Amino acid sequence: MFRYFRFYVAPLTIMAISVGMLFGGIWLWLPAALYIATISALDQAFPHDIDEHPYDHEFFLDLALYLSTPASICLYFALFWVAGSGLQDALGAGAYLQSLTGVDVVAARNATPWYNYVLMFVAVALPATGAGGLAGHELTHRTWRPFDLWLGRITMAFNWGIAFPIEHVYGHHAYVGTKKDPATAARGDSVYQHLPKAMYRTVVNAWEIESQRLNKIGASFFSPKNVLLRMAAVAAATTAFAYYCAGWTGVMFHLIVCVSTKIALEVLNYVEHYGLIRVPSEPVQPRHSWNCNHVVSGVFTYNLTRHSHHHADAQIPYQDLRCHSEQPEMPGGLMTAYLSTLVPPLWRKKITPKLLEWDSTQADKREFGLIREANNVSGWEELKQSIANNTADVRSVPQGNLGY
């Protein structure tokens, strides 16, 4: 039963974080900070998850995903509520909570020092991304199930993430490992260099993809059939609700978290695809993504950590993804790798041996020219040790590493 219940941990944790925020003070950020620290620590304590036994009860796994939507609603409501001041008590939530606990949460909120709000914005970015972005990501891949697709897009629209569901499914998965992919960071690029380019190109690609689709069906860009506009309407309604809860302060809080969750999602992409190379005309292989079989990361991301299989076949439901333990792994588990990107010298130290190993054991000789170019442009001297930079050692990767 635990195999099923573990995927409920993420949405239930987000709901608990949301309730905690209503008590003000350090509770604005402490539960979210513990969420981040716990994942990173437990990833190192538990063995890798290589279980590939099939699941018999798909409904319970789907329900875990569906709970991400109410979890997101809880988190955003808590965010808007704590943005209030004075006697503001949106939907009477403060009075209800006081009746249950005896704590005057409105007074606690009004007495909260400003720096707790700053820490909140830093800490809440990852839980907010987990609540909407990760489950929403899985749901938007289910293009054959209209309800799942609809729910995933709505959930991701809460934070104005309207471009991602389009670009990711129809762009990123086709372009991964190439220069056209916004999510594949170039070798040598720090996360701070990569983020502006990724965020801009994601939006541009999404508009191009949706415009082409509308042209094919003979619909105007301003047609109700435009998915981007429909998601924008949900996003605008969310911002309007923020205004209802706390006025312009609520709007400001919403937009800050929208930006921070977009950044958090792009950092995740940065980790999952950093520096990997693919010839555009060649099919996507499991080796074109960094994999991660750390069990706790998998629980909180709906197995997104099994990224090698996800990119080899994007239509596979999260519970059926194979571990591909033979594929290249991101350094230290997802959360550890994620946090290390924020310190570029540390990330360089961790990822360089991985890139050299990938060049040597995973890359195909048809990719060597592109790898050599990327290594030279990177400015990282240590990458010039790559087998791709030594023409005398050019060889093809064993066929066992190229297949699924």
Protein backbone atom coordinates (compact mmCIF):
# COMPACT_ATOMS: atom_id res chain seq x y z
CA MET A 1 0.00 0.00 0.00
CA PHE A 2 2.93 2.33 0.69
CA ARG A 3 3.83 2.17 -3.00
CA TYR A 4 0.59 4.07 -3.67
CA PHE A 5 0.45 6.28 -0.58
CA ARG A 6 3.94 7.73 -1.10
CA PHE A 7 2.68 9.77 -4.07
CA TYR A 8 0.12 11.43 -1.78
CA VAL A 9 2.90 12.80 0.43
CA ALA A 10 3.62 15.73 -1.90
CA PRO A 11 0.09 17.24 -2.14
CA LEU A 12 -0.62 16.59 1.55
CA THR A 13 2.65 18.28 2.52
CA ILE A 14 1.78 21.31 0.40
CA MET A 15 -1.59 21.57 2.14
CA ALA A 16 0.12 21.40 5.54
CA ILE A 17 2.57 24.14 4.50
CA SER A 18 -0.40 26.27 3.40
CA VAL A 19 -2.14 25.98 6.77
CA GLY A 20 1.11 26.73 8.58
CA MET A 21 1.55 29.98 6.67
CA LEU A 22 -1.68 31.35 8.14
CA PHE A 23 -0.09 31.48 11.60
CA GLY A 24 2.37 34.17 10.50
CA GLY A 25 5.86 34.78 11.88
CA ILE A 26 8.39 32.07 11.15
CA TRP A 27 5.54 29.80 10.00
CA LEU A 28 5.49 31.77 6.76
CA TRP A 29 8.72 30.13 5.69
CA LEU A 30 9.86 27.44 8.17
CA PRO A 31 7.64 24.56 6.91
CA ALA A 32 8.61 25.29 3.30
CA ALA A 33 12.31 25.46 4.24
CA LEU A 34 12.00 22.13 6.05
CA TYR A 35 10.35 20.69 2.93
CA ILE A 36 13.45 21.56 0.90
CA ALA A 37 15.97 20.45 3.53
CA THR A 38 14.18 17.17 4.22
CA ILE A 39 14.12 16.10 0.57
CA SER A 40 17.81 16.85 0.18
CA ALA A 41 18.79 15.05 3.39
CA LEU A 42 16.61 11.98 2.94
CA ASP A 43 17.79 11.55 -0.64
CA GLN A 44 21.23 10.80 0.77
CA ALA A 45 19.90 8.51 3.51
CA PHE A 46 17.73 6.18 1.42
CA PRO A 47 18.91 3.75 -1.27
CA HIS A 48 18.10 4.31 -4.91
CA ASP A 49 14.65 3.31 -6.13
CA ILE A 50 14.94 0.71 -8.87
CA ASP A 51 11.50 -0.85 -8.36
CA GLU A 52 9.79 -1.40 -11.71
CA HIS A 53 6.94 -3.68 -10.62
CA PRO A 54 3.66 -2.72 -12.32
CA TYR A 55 0.81 -1.09 -10.41
CA ASP A 56 -2.66 -2.66 -10.41
CA HIS A 57 -4.83 0.28 -9.32
CA GLU A 58 -4.32 3.20 -11.68
CA PHE A 59 -7.15 5.27 -10.14
CA PHE A 60 -5.31 5.78 -6.85
CA LEU A 61 -2.23 7.01 -8.71
CA ASP A 62 -4.34 9.41 -10.78
CA LEU A 63 -6.01 10.71 -7.63
CA ALA A 64 -2.61 11.63 -6.18
CA LEU A 65 -2.09 13.82 -9.25
CA TYR A 66 -5.55 15.34 -9.10
CA LEU A 67 -4.95 16.39 -5.48
CA SER A 68 -2.25 18.74 -6.73
CA THR A 69 -4.93 21.15 -7.92
CA PRO A 70 -6.58 21.65 -4.50
CA ALA A 71 -3.08 21.70 -2.98
CA SER A 72 -2.14 24.56 -5.33
CA ILE A 73 -5.37 26.39 -4.51
CA CYS A 74 -4.62 26.06 -0.78
CA LEU A 75 -1.10 27.40 -1.20
CA TYR A 76 -2.11 30.38 -3.32
CA PHE A 77 -4.99 31.23 -1.01
CA ALA A 78 -2.61 31.15 1.96
CA LEU A 79 -0.24 33.42 0.04
CA PHE A 80 -3.01 35.92 -0.72
CA TRP A 81 -4.39 35.77 2.82
CA VAL A 82 -1.03 36.54 4.48
CA ALA A 83 -0.67 39.51 2.11
CA GLY A 84 -3.61 41.11 3.88
CA SER A 85 -3.40 43.66 6.67
CA GLY A 86 -5.58 45.18 9.35
CA LEU A 87 -9.00 43.56 9.53
CA GLN A 88 -8.75 41.87 6.12
CA ASP A 89 -9.78 38.22 6.48
CA ALA A 90 -10.53 36.77 3.05
CA LEU A 91 -13.37 34.24 3.11
CA GLY A 92 -13.32 34.38 6.92
CA ALA A 93 -10.42 31.92 7.00
CA GLY A 94 -8.75 33.62 9.96
CA ALA A 95 -11.90 33.61 12.07
CA TYR A 96 -12.53 29.95 11.27
CA LEU A 97 -8.98 28.95 12.13
CA GLN A 98 -9.21 30.89 15.40
CA SER A 99 -12.39 29.02 16.28
CA LEU A 100 -10.53 25.74 15.81
CA THR A 101 -7.22 26.59 17.49
CA GLY A 102 -7.86 29.58 19.72
CA VAL A 103 -5.04 31.44 17.97
CA ASP A 104 -5.78 34.94 16.64
CA VAL A 105 -4.09 34.43 13.30
CA VAL A 106 -5.14 37.86 11.99
CA ALA A 107 -3.28 39.54 14.86
CA ALA A 108 -0.31 37.19 14.35
CA ARG A 109 -0.19 38.10 10.67
CA ASN A 110 -0.34 41.83 11.39
CA ALA A 111 2.51 41.51 13.92
CA THR A 112 4.79 39.56 11.56
CA PRO A 113 8.12 41.36 10.81
CA TRP A 114 8.83 42.14 7.16
CA TYR A 115 11.86 39.87 6.88
CA ASN A 116 9.69 36.80 7.38
CA TYR A 117 7.90 37.69 4.15
CA VAL A 118 11.24 37.92 2.32
CA LEU A 119 12.19 34.47 3.59
CA MET A 120 8.75 33.23 2.60
CA PHE A 121 9.22 34.22 -1.04
CA VAL A 122 12.54 32.34 -1.13
CA ALA A 123 11.26 29.22 0.62
CA VAL A 124 7.82 28.93 -1.00
CA ALA A 125 9.09 28.95 -4.60
CA LEU A 126 9.93 25.23 -4.63
CA PRO A 127 6.76 23.98 -2.86
CA ALA A 128 4.66 26.16 -5.17
CA THR A 129 6.47 24.69 -8.17
CA GLY A 130 5.94 21.20 -6.77
CA ALA A 131 2.25 21.80 -6.14
CA GLY A 132 1.39 23.07 -9.60
CA GLY A 133 4.34 22.54 -11.88
CA LEU A 134 5.28 18.92 -11.32
CA ALA A 135 1.85 17.31 -11.19
CA GLY A 136 0.69 19.74 -13.88
CA HIS A 137 3.62 18.63 -16.02
CA GLU A 138 2.53 15.01 -15.78
CA LEU A 139 -1.11 15.85 -16.52
CA THR A 140 -0.34 18.01 -19.57
CA HIS A 141 1.53 15.09 -21.11
CA ARG A 142 -1.69 13.06 -21.09
CA THR A 143 -2.91 14.50 -24.35
CA TRP A 144 -5.14 11.45 -24.93
CA ARG A 145 -7.16 12.20 -21.75
CA PRO A 146 -9.02 15.53 -22.08
CA PHE A 147 -9.80 15.88 -18.36
CA ASP A 148 -6.19 15.34 -17.30
CA LEU A 149 -4.93 17.73 -19.96
CA TRP A 150 -7.49 20.38 -18.94
CA LEU A 151 -6.72 20.03 -15.23
CA GLY A 152 -2.96 20.16 -15.78
CA ARG A 153 -3.19 23.33 -17.82
CA ILE A 154 -5.45 25.03 -15.28
CA THR A 155 -3.16 24.07 -12.41
CA MET A 156 -0.12 25.48 -14.19
CA ALA A 157 -2.01 28.65 -15.12
CA PHE A 158 -2.45 29.61 -11.45
CA ASN A 159 1.09 31.02 -11.53
CA TRP A 160 0.90 32.45 -15.07
CA GLY A 161 2.76 29.41 -16.40
CA ILE A 162 0.76 29.50 -19.62
CA ALA A 163 3.64 28.98 -22.06
CA PHE A 164 5.18 25.94 -20.41
CA PRO A 165 2.41 23.35 -21.08
CA ILE A 166 2.55 24.16 -24.81
CA GLU A 167 6.28 24.61 -25.33
CA HIS A 168 7.27 21.72 -23.09
CA VAL A 169 5.04 19.05 -24.61
CA TYR A 170 5.27 20.10 -28.27
CA GLY A 171 8.63 21.89 -28.31
CA HIS A 172 11.05 20.78 -25.61
CA HIS A 173 10.46 17.08 -26.14
CA ALA A 174 11.19 17.47 -29.85
CA TYR A 175 14.17 19.83 -29.44
CA VAL A 176 15.88 18.42 -26.32
CA GLY A 177 19.66 18.32 -26.52
CA THR A 178 19.79 20.82 -29.40
CA LYS A 179 20.37 24.57 -29.61
CA LYS A 180 16.69 25.13 -30.36
CA ASP A 181 15.63 23.77 -26.97
CA PRO A 182 15.14 26.50 -24.34
CA ALA A 183 15.56 23.98 -21.52
CA THR A 184 18.93 22.52 -22.55
CA ALA A 185 21.61 24.75 -21.05
CA ALA A 186 24.83 25.20 -22.99
CA ARG A 187 28.04 23.89 -21.50
CA GLY A 188 29.74 26.68 -19.58
CA ASP A 189 26.51 28.60 -18.90
CA SER A 190 25.79 29.24 -15.24
CA VAL A 191 22.18 29.03 -14.14
CA TYR A 192 22.10 32.83 -14.03
CA GLN A 193 23.20 33.06 -17.66
CA HIS A 194 20.75 30.38 -18.73
CA LEU A 195 17.58 31.61 -17.02
CA PRO A 196 16.87 34.77 -19.06
CA LYS A 197 17.41 32.94 -22.34
CA ALA A 198 15.27 29.97 -21.29
CA MET A 199 12.37 32.08 -20.02
CA TYR A 200 12.29 34.25 -23.15
CA ARG A 201 12.61 31.40 -25.64
CA THR A 202 9.96 29.32 -23.87
CA VAL A 203 7.41 32.08 -24.42
CA VAL A 204 8.46 32.68 -28.04
CA ASN A 205 8.37 28.97 -28.88
CA ALA A 206 4.95 28.55 -27.25
CA TRP A 207 3.43 31.40 -29.28
CA GLU A 208 4.94 29.98 -32.48
CA ILE A 209 3.64 26.46 -31.75
CA GLU A 210 0.13 27.63 -30.89
CA SER A 211 -0.01 30.03 -33.85
CA GLN A 212 0.90 27.20 -36.23
CA ARG A 213 -1.78 24.96 -34.71
CA LEU A 214 -4.43 27.66 -35.07
CA ASN A 215 -3.43 28.26 -38.69
CA LYS A 216 -3.85 24.56 -39.45
CA ILE A 217 -7.39 24.49 -38.10
CA GLY A 218 -8.28 27.85 -39.71
CA ALA A 219 -8.83 29.66 -36.40
CA SER A 220 -7.90 33.23 -35.55
CA PHE A 221 -5.21 33.87 -32.98
CA PHE A 222 -7.86 35.60 -30.87
CA SER A 223 -10.23 32.66 -31.21
CA PRO A 224 -11.60 30.92 -28.09
CA LYS A 225 -9.73 27.89 -29.43
CA ASN A 226 -6.43 29.56 -28.52
CA VAL A 227 -5.17 27.51 -25.57
CA LEU A 228 -2.78 30.24 -24.46
CA LEU A 229 -5.58 32.78 -24.19
CA ARG A 230 -7.77 30.36 -22.26
CA MET A 231 -4.99 29.71 -19.78
CA ALA A 232 -4.31 33.45 -19.57
CA ALA A 233 -7.93 33.93 -18.53
CA VAL A 234 -7.42 31.49 -15.64
CA ALA A 235 -4.20 33.27 -14.67
CA ALA A 236 -5.90 36.68 -14.76
CA ALA A 237 -8.75 35.36 -12.62
CA THR A 238 -6.19 34.14 -10.07
CA THR A 239 -4.57 37.57 -9.95
CA ALA A 240 -8.02 39.15 -9.59
CA PHE A 241 -8.71 36.85 -6.64
CA ALA A 242 -5.41 37.96 -5.10
CA TYR A 243 -6.67 41.54 -5.35
CA TYR A 244 -9.95 40.54 -3.72
CA CYS A 245 -8.07 38.96 -0.81
CA ALA A 246 -5.49 41.66 -0.13
CA GLY A 247 -5.68 44.47 -2.67
CA TRP A 248 -2.58 45.46 -4.59
CA THR A 249 -0.36 43.82 -1.99
CA GLY A 250 -2.02 40.52 -2.87
CA VAL A 251 -1.37 41.16 -6.57
CA MET A 252 2.28 41.92 -5.82
CA PHE A 253 2.64 38.74 -3.75
CA HIS A 254 1.08 36.71 -6.56
CA LEU A 255 3.35 38.13 -9.26
CA ILE A 256 6.48 37.66 -7.14
CA VAL A 257 5.65 33.99 -6.61
CA CYS A 258 4.76 33.61 -10.31
CA VAL A 259 8.24 34.79 -11.25
CA SER A 260 9.95 32.71 -8.56
CA THR A 261 8.13 29.52 -9.58
CA LYS A 262 9.01 30.10 -13.22
CA ILE A 263 12.65 30.47 -12.19
CA ALA A 264 12.42 27.34 -10.03
CA LEU A 265 10.98 25.33 -12.93
CA GLU A 266 13.71 26.49 -15.31
CA VAL A 267 16.41 25.62 -12.77
CA LEU A 268 14.90 22.13 -12.69
CA ASN A 269 15.20 21.94 -16.48
CA TYR A 270 18.77 23.23 -16.18
CA VAL A 271 19.67 20.31 -13.92
CA GLU A 272 17.89 17.69 -16.00
CA HIS A 273 19.53 18.52 -19.34
CA TYR A 274 22.69 20.50 -18.64
CA GLY A 275 25.26 20.28 -21.40
CA LEU A 276 23.89 17.20 -23.14
CA ILE A 277 24.16 17.06 -26.91
CA ARG A 278 22.01 15.50 -29.62
CA VAL A 279 22.18 15.65 -33.40
CA PRO A 280 18.83 17.29 -34.31
CA SER A 281 17.99 14.72 -36.95
CA GLU A 282 18.57 11.79 -34.61
CA PRO A 283 15.87 10.38 -32.28
CA VAL A 284 15.83 11.26 -28.59
CA GLN A 285 17.45 8.55 -26.48
CA PRO A 286 17.39 7.94 -22.69
CA ARG A 287 20.99 9.17 -22.55
CA HIS A 288 19.93 12.67 -23.60
CA SER A 289 18.67 13.48 -20.09
CA TRP A 290 20.30 13.31 -16.69
CA ASN A 291 18.57 10.63 -14.66
CA CYS A 292 17.98 10.33 -10.91
CA ASN A 293 16.79 7.27 -8.99
CA HIS A 294 16.83 8.78 -5.50
CA VAL A 295 13.62 7.59 -3.89
CA VAL A 296 12.60 10.75 -2.01
CA SER A 297 13.09 13.01 -5.04
CA GLY A 298 10.95 10.59 -7.03
CA VAL A 299 8.15 10.69 -4.45
CA PHE A 300 7.93 14.49 -4.47
CA THR A 301 8.18 14.84 -8.25
CA TYR A 302 5.88 12.01 -9.39
CA ASN A 303 8.88 10.08 -10.75
CA LEU A 304 10.00 13.00 -12.92
CA THR A 305 13.47 12.06 -11.72
CA ARG A 306 13.28 9.04 -14.02
CA HIS A 307 13.91 11.55 -16.74
CA SER A 308 15.74 9.28 -19.14
CA HIS A 309 12.67 7.15 -19.76
CA HIS A 310 10.36 10.18 -19.68
CA HIS A 311 12.20 11.64 -22.67
CA ALA A 312 12.53 8.32 -24.44
CA ASP A 313 8.72 7.99 -24.32
CA ALA A 314 6.83 11.04 -23.06
CA GLN A 315 3.47 9.25 -23.17
CA ILE A 316 4.33 6.79 -20.41
CA PRO A 317 2.44 7.50 -17.13
CA TYR A 318 4.70 8.38 -14.22
CA GLN A 319 4.14 5.12 -12.36
CA ASP A 320 5.35 3.07 -15.35
CA LEU A 321 8.61 4.90 -15.94
CA ARG A 322 11.65 2.64 -15.83
CA CYS A 323 14.62 3.53 -13.64
CA HIS A 324 17.26 3.21 -16.40
CA SER A 325 19.98 2.82 -13.78
CA GLU A 326 22.57 2.43 -16.55
CA GLN A 327 21.97 5.98 -17.75
CA PRO A 328 23.93 9.09 -16.67
CA GLU A 329 22.82 10.42 -13.27
CA MET A 330 22.70 13.99 -12.03
CA PRO A 331 25.15 14.58 -9.17
CA GLY A 332 23.85 13.89 -5.67
CA GLY A 333 20.13 13.56 -6.24
CA LEU A 334 17.69 16.08 -7.64
CA MET A 335 17.45 18.51 -4.72
CA THR A 336 21.17 18.41 -3.97
CA ALA A 337 22.02 19.04 -7.62
CA TYR A 338 19.33 21.73 -7.78
CA LEU A 339 20.73 23.67 -4.83
CA SER A 340 24.32 23.34 -6.06
CA THR A 341 23.44 25.18 -9.31
CA LEU A 342 22.90 28.33 -7.24
CA VAL A 343 26.67 28.39 -6.58
CA PRO A 344 28.18 28.21 -10.10
CA PRO A 345 31.73 27.16 -9.05
CA LEU A 346 30.24 24.30 -7.02
CA TRP A 347 28.01 23.25 -9.92
CA ARG A 348 30.99 23.34 -12.29
CA LYS A 349 32.94 21.11 -9.92
CA LYS A 350 30.09 18.61 -9.70
CA ILE A 351 28.96 18.52 -13.33
CA THR A 352 32.29 18.56 -15.18
CA PRO A 353 33.24 14.94 -14.33
CA LYS A 354 29.72 13.91 -15.32
CA LEU A 355 30.03 15.61 -18.70
CA LEU A 356 33.43 14.03 -19.37
CA GLU A 357 32.02 10.63 -18.41
CA TRP A 358 29.00 11.17 -20.67
CA ASP A 359 31.24 12.12 -23.60
CA SER A 360 33.30 9.00 -23.04
CA THR A 361 30.65 6.36 -22.32
CA GLN A 362 27.34 7.66 -23.70
CA ALA A 363 27.95 9.96 -26.65
CA ASP A 364 27.77 8.71 -30.21
CA LYS A 365 30.56 9.59 -32.63
CA ARG A 366 28.03 11.51 -34.75
CA GLU A 367 27.68 13.90 -31.80
CA PHE A 368 31.41 14.43 -31.30
CA GLY A 369 31.64 17.44 -33.60
CA LEU A 370 28.85 19.22 -31.73
CA ILE A 371 30.36 18.22 -28.38
CA ARG A 372 33.79 19.51 -29.39
CA GLU A 373 32.26 22.83 -30.45
CA ALA A 374 30.30 23.10 -27.18
CA ASN A 375 33.37 22.28 -25.09
CA ASN A 376 35.47 24.90 -26.85
CA VAL A 377 32.80 27.60 -26.57
CA SER A 378 32.19 26.82 -22.88
CA GLY A 379 35.48 28.33 -21.75
CA TRP A 380 35.95 25.47 -19.28
CA GLU A 381 39.50 24.23 -19.79
CA GLU A 382 38.78 20.90 -18.13
CA LEU A 383 36.23 20.02 -20.82
CA LYS A 384 39.02 20.04 -23.40
CA GLN A 385 40.06 16.72 -21.88
CA SER A 386 36.93 15.22 -23.42
CA ILE A 387 37.30 12.29 -25.79
CA ALA A 388 35.40 14.39 -28.34
CA ASN A 389 38.27 16.91 -28.36
CA ASN A 390 40.75 14.19 -29.19
CA THR A 391 40.18 13.07 -32.76
CA ALA A 392 42.43 10.08 -32.27
CA ASP A 393 39.97 8.67 -29.75
CA VAL A 394 36.78 9.24 -31.72
CA ARG A 395 34.61 6.15 -31.52
CA SER A 396 30.96 5.14 -31.36
CA VAL A 397 29.21 4.42 -28.12
CA PRO A 398 28.24 0.73 -27.61
CA GLN A 399 24.84 -0.06 -29.03
CA GLY A 400 23.54 -1.13 -25.62
CA ASN A 401 23.76 2.47 -24.46
CA LEU A 402 21.79 3.80 -27.40
CA GLY A 403 18.66 1.74 -27.00
CA TYR A 404 15.69 1.88 -24.64
